Every structure is written in structure tokens, then in C-alpha cells.
Protein backbone atom coordinates (compact mmCIF):
# COMPACT_ATOMS: atom_id res chain seq x y z
CA MET A 1 9.07 3.72 28.65
CA ARG A 2 8.26 4.55 25.01
CA SER A 3 5.45 2.73 23.29
CA ALA A 4 5.84 1.15 19.87
CA PRO A 5 5.41 3.56 16.98
CA ASP A 6 2.05 3.48 15.25
CA SER A 7 3.65 4.34 11.90
CA PHE A 8 6.87 3.40 10.16
CA GLY A 9 7.13 6.66 8.24
CA ALA A 10 5.62 5.43 4.99
CA PRO A 11 2.05 6.57 4.34
CA GLY A 12 -0.46 3.76 4.56
CA ILE A 13 1.55 1.55 6.91
CA ALA A 14 0.68 1.40 10.61
CA LEU A 15 0.00 -0.92 13.50
CA ASP A 16 -3.68 -1.54 14.11
CA PRO A 17 -5.07 -1.62 17.68
CA GLU A 18 -4.23 -5.34 17.98
CA GLY A 19 -0.59 -4.66 17.02
CA VAL A 20 -0.90 -6.18 13.55
CA LEU A 21 0.79 -4.39 10.67
CA ALA A 22 -1.92 -2.81 8.53
CA ILE A 23 -1.02 -1.78 4.98
CA GLY A 24 -3.22 0.60 3.03
CA ILE A 25 -3.88 -0.03 -0.64
CA GLY A 26 -1.81 2.98 -1.69
CA ALA A 27 1.29 1.60 0.02
CA ALA A 28 0.53 -1.91 -1.26
CA ALA A 29 0.32 -0.57 -4.83
CA ASP A 30 3.70 1.14 -4.40
CA PHE A 31 5.24 -2.07 -3.02
CA PHE A 32 3.76 -4.09 -5.90
CA CYS A 33 5.20 -1.77 -8.55
CA ALA A 34 8.58 -1.71 -6.82
CA ALA A 35 8.58 -5.52 -6.65
CA LYS A 36 7.74 -5.81 -10.35
CA ALA A 37 10.57 -3.42 -11.22
CA ALA A 38 12.96 -5.42 -9.02
CA GLU A 39 11.85 -8.64 -10.75
CA GLY A 40 12.90 -7.13 -14.06
CA ALA A 41 9.59 -6.01 -15.55
CA SER A 42 10.05 -3.38 -18.22
CA PRO A 43 9.57 0.25 -17.17
CA ARG A 44 6.55 0.50 -19.49
CA THR A 45 4.94 -2.53 -17.82
CA VAL A 46 5.55 -1.10 -14.36
CA GLU A 47 4.08 2.22 -15.46
CA TRP A 48 1.02 0.42 -16.84
CA TYR A 49 0.54 -1.39 -13.51
CA ARG A 50 0.89 1.94 -11.70
CA MET A 51 -1.68 3.61 -13.98
CA ILE A 52 -4.23 0.87 -13.30
CA LEU A 53 -3.52 0.77 -9.56
CA VAL A 54 -3.85 4.55 -9.22
CA ARG A 55 -7.46 4.15 -10.35
CA ALA A 56 -8.09 1.52 -7.66
CA VAL A 57 -6.46 3.67 -4.99
CA ARG A 58 -8.63 6.64 -5.99
CA ARG A 59 -11.73 4.45 -5.89
CA PHE A 60 -11.11 2.83 -2.51
CA GLY A 61 -8.98 5.46 -0.77
CA ASP A 62 -5.27 5.35 0.00
CA PRO A 63 -5.35 4.55 3.73
CA ARG A 64 -8.00 1.82 3.51
CA PRO A 65 -6.55 -1.53 4.67
CA VAL A 66 -5.75 -4.03 1.94
CA ASP A 67 -7.73 -6.78 3.65
CA ALA A 68 -10.96 -4.71 3.81
CA PRO A 69 -11.50 -2.80 0.54
CA GLU A 70 -15.29 -3.04 0.74
CA SER A 71 -15.55 -1.62 4.27
CA ALA A 72 -15.92 2.10 4.82
């Protein structure tokens, strides 16, 4: 029997040891920008969000879970 996949193919998204979906801040930033674009935000606004979020991702690290940015 195959076990559940630990990744869904997108970087920064995986199941943690307890089986809870863990999303890294890099993936969360991508989802946020995509959601803003889908809501109708202007391309310049979405690009501004992306520019700011890239700095946060660089600071905290792409795979770090969203719910624990201060942990190492």
C-alpha cells in the first residue's frame, strides 16, 4: 500500500509529521499574490506586493512554515 505523498509538487507545501498541511512562506507569498490578482488588483499593485514579500521570504527562508517565522 502506498503512503500519502509528503509533497503536492509545489515548493513549500508538504505534510508535516502529524499529517497537517504545512505551507512555507514562499508558497504563501505566491498564493497571496495570485489571490490579489484574481480579486482584480492592478498588475502594478500585485508586483508591489511581490517585491515586498520577496524581501520577507529572503529574510525568513522559503521553506519555513508560515505559522513559525521566528523559529529556526
